[in-house]
Amino acid sequence: TRIMDGVLQDAKPQVRAAGAPYLLCLVKYCGVHPLIQERLKLVQQHFSFMLSEKSEFMQEVASKGIGLVYDMCSDDTIKDELVATLAK
């Protein structure tokens, strides 16, 4: 949560850009861990915020992250909620 609460919400774009790939790797390599699974909605929310960044790098990381979050989700009900959140 330190990454999501501190680094990804920092006022400096360089700090946010450093935290984005870290979160992506966390989901990619530890996505099946129960702590990550219970925070998938929050993780997707942060990736969604990254889509509005000016940096193409951040937008690319965010789009890959959103796809990974969906793929890592094991519960169909939560998958439906993730899709509904993106559609808003």
C-alpha atoms as a PDB file:
ATOM      1  CA  THR A   1       0.000   0.000   0.000  1.00  0.00           C
ATOM      2  CA  ARG A   2       2.976   2.323   0.418  1.00  0.00           C
ATOM      3  CA  ILE A   3       3.430   2.365  -3.339  1.00  0.00           C
ATOM      4  CA  MET A   4      -0.239   3.098  -3.988  1.00  0.00           C
ATOM      5  CA  ASP A   5      -0.753   5.566  -1.157  1.00  0.00           C
ATOM      6  CA  GLY A   6       2.553   7.395  -1.373  1.00  0.00           C
ATOM      7  CA  VAL A   7       4.525   6.986  -4.561  1.00  0.00           C
ATOM      8  CA  LEU A   8       1.645   6.852  -7.078  1.00  0.00           C
ATOM      9  CA  GLN A   9      -0.006   9.897  -5.527  1.00  0.00           C
ATOM     10  CA  ASP A  10       3.151  11.991  -5.293  1.00  0.00           C
ATOM     11  CA  ALA A  11       3.065  15.477  -6.771  1.00  0.00           C
ATOM     12  CA  LYS A  12       6.195  14.823  -8.845  1.00  0.00           C
ATOM     13  CA  PRO A  13       5.558  13.011 -12.146  1.00  0.00           C
ATOM     14  CA  GLN A  14       9.012  11.392 -11.984  1.00  0.00           C
ATOM     15  CA  VAL A  15       8.165   9.712  -8.683  1.00  0.00           C
ATOM     16  CA  ARG A  16       4.847   8.447 -10.033  1.00  0.00           C
ATOM     17  CA  ALA A  17       6.647   7.181 -13.154  1.00  0.00           C
ATOM     18  CA  ALA A  18       9.047   5.216 -10.952  1.00  0.00           C
ATOM     19  CA  GLY A  19       6.227   3.604  -8.992  1.00  0.00           C
ATOM     20  CA  ALA A  20       4.150   2.562 -11.989  1.00  0.00           C
ATOM     21  CA  PRO A  21       6.415  -0.257 -13.258  1.00  0.00           C
ATOM     22  CA  TYR A  22       6.902  -1.407  -9.688  1.00  0.00           C
ATOM     23  CA  LEU A  23       3.154  -1.871  -9.308  1.00  0.00           C
ATOM     24  CA  LEU A  24       3.001  -3.579 -12.702  1.00  0.00           C
ATOM     25  CA  CYS A  25       5.712  -6.055 -11.663  1.00  0.00           C
ATOM     26  CA  LEU A  26       4.007  -6.631  -8.340  1.00  0.00           C
ATOM     27  CA  VAL A  27       0.820  -7.647 -10.121  1.00  0.00           C
ATOM     28  CA  LYS A  28       2.634  -9.666 -12.783  1.00  0.00           C
ATOM     29  CA  TYR A  29       4.859 -11.701 -10.486  1.00  0.00           C
ATOM     30  CA  CYS A  30       2.864 -11.742  -7.243  1.00  0.00           C
ATOM     31  CA  GLY A  31      -0.684 -11.414  -8.575  1.00  0.00           C
ATOM     32  CA  VAL A  32      -1.822 -14.770  -7.245  1.00  0.00           C
ATOM     33  CA  HIS A  33      -0.845 -13.852  -3.680  1.00  0.00           C
ATOM     34  CA  PRO A  34      -3.913 -13.400  -1.440  1.00  0.00           C
ATOM     35  CA  LEU A  35      -2.880  -9.872  -0.415  1.00  0.00           C
ATOM     36  CA  ILE A  36      -2.760  -8.786  -4.039  1.00  0.00           C
ATOM     37  CA  GLN A  37      -5.982 -10.626  -4.889  1.00  0.00           C
ATOM     38  CA  GLU A  38      -7.930  -8.785  -2.195  1.00  0.00           C
ATOM     39  CA  ARG A  39      -6.641  -5.423  -3.453  1.00  0.00           C
ATOM     40  CA  LEU A  40      -7.199  -5.923  -7.183  1.00  0.00           C
ATOM     41  CA  LYS A  41      -9.958  -3.313  -7.345  1.00  0.00           C
ATOM     42  CA  LEU A  42      -7.698  -0.737  -5.723  1.00  0.00           C
ATOM     43  CA  VAL A  43      -4.820  -1.671  -8.010  1.00  0.00           C
ATOM     44  CA  GLN A  44      -7.042  -1.259 -11.066  1.00  0.00           C
ATOM     45  CA  GLN A  45      -8.188   2.097  -9.763  1.00  0.00           C
ATOM     46  CA  HIS A  46      -4.580   3.286  -9.610  1.00  0.00           C
ATOM     47  CA  PHE A  47      -3.858   1.987 -13.100  1.00  0.00           C
ATOM     48  CA  SER A  48      -6.990   3.798 -14.312  1.00  0.00           C
ATOM     49  CA  PHE A  49      -5.705   7.062 -12.819  1.00  0.00           C
ATOM     50  CA  MET A  50      -2.422   6.518 -14.662  1.00  0.00           C
ATOM     51  CA  LEU A  51      -4.272   6.489 -17.984  1.00  0.00           C
ATOM     52  CA  SER A  52      -4.874  10.219 -17.574  1.00  0.00           C
ATOM     53  CA  GLU A  53      -1.167  11.026 -17.157  1.00  0.00           C
ATOM     54  CA  LYS A  54       0.512  13.052 -19.902  1.00  0.00           C
ATOM     55  CA  SER A  55       3.376  10.584 -20.165  1.00  0.00           C
ATOM     56  CA  GLU A  56       2.995   7.900 -22.829  1.00  0.00           C
ATOM     57  CA  PHE A  57       5.149   5.651 -20.655  1.00  0.00           C
ATOM     58  CA  MET A  58       2.659   5.902 -17.784  1.00  0.00           C
ATOM     59  CA  GLN A  59      -0.263   5.298 -20.125  1.00  0.00           C
ATOM     60  CA  GLU A  60       1.425   2.198 -21.560  1.00  0.00           C
ATOM     61  CA  VAL A  61       2.190   0.805 -18.095  1.00  0.00           C
ATOM     62  CA  ALA A  62      -1.385   1.529 -17.046  1.00  0.00           C
ATOM     63  CA  SER A  63      -2.925  -0.274 -20.018  1.00  0.00           C
ATOM     64  CA  LYS A  64      -0.733  -3.331 -19.446  1.00  0.00           C
ATOM     65  CA  GLY A  65      -1.552  -3.209 -15.750  1.00  0.00           C
ATOM     66  CA  ILE A  66      -5.290  -3.139 -16.322  1.00  0.00           C
ATOM     67  CA  GLY A  67      -5.022  -6.190 -18.560  1.00  0.00           C
ATOM     68  CA  LEU A  68      -2.918  -8.029 -15.987  1.00  0.00           C
ATOM     69  CA  VAL A  69      -5.308  -7.202 -13.166  1.00  0.00           C
ATOM     70  CA  TYR A  70      -8.164  -8.692 -15.155  1.00  0.00           C
ATOM     71  CA  ASP A  71      -6.137 -11.800 -16.024  1.00  0.00           C
ATOM     72  CA  MET A  72      -5.006 -12.316 -12.420  1.00  0.00           C
ATOM     73  CA  CYS A  73      -8.516 -12.062 -11.016  1.00  0.00           C
ATOM     74  CA  SER A  74      -9.817 -15.509 -10.103  1.00  0.00           C
ATOM     75  CA  ASP A  75     -13.350 -14.500  -9.087  1.00  0.00           C
ATOM     76  CA  ASP A  76     -15.849 -13.985 -11.922  1.00  0.00           C
ATOM     77  CA  THR A  77     -17.948 -11.594  -9.838  1.00  0.00           C
ATOM     78  CA  ILE A  78     -14.955  -9.347  -9.252  1.00  0.00           C
ATOM     79  CA  LYS A  79     -14.041  -9.559 -12.951  1.00  0.00           C
ATOM     80  CA  ASP A  80     -17.508  -8.253 -13.796  1.00  0.00           C
ATOM     81  CA  GLU A  81     -17.032  -5.422 -11.303  1.00  0.00           C
ATOM     82  CA  LEU A  82     -13.636  -4.555 -12.795  1.00  0.00           C
ATOM     83  CA  VAL A  83     -15.166  -4.323 -16.283  1.00  0.00           C
ATOM     84  CA  ALA A  84     -18.090  -2.265 -14.985  1.00  0.00           C
ATOM     85  CA  THR A  85     -15.666   0.133 -13.284  1.00  0.00           C
ATOM     86  CA  LEU A  86     -13.801   0.678 -16.548  1.00  0.00           C
ATOM     87  CA  ALA A  87     -17.022   1.281 -18.443  1.00  0.00           C
ATOM     88  CA  LYS A  88     -17.975   4.209 -16.177  1.00  0.00           C
END
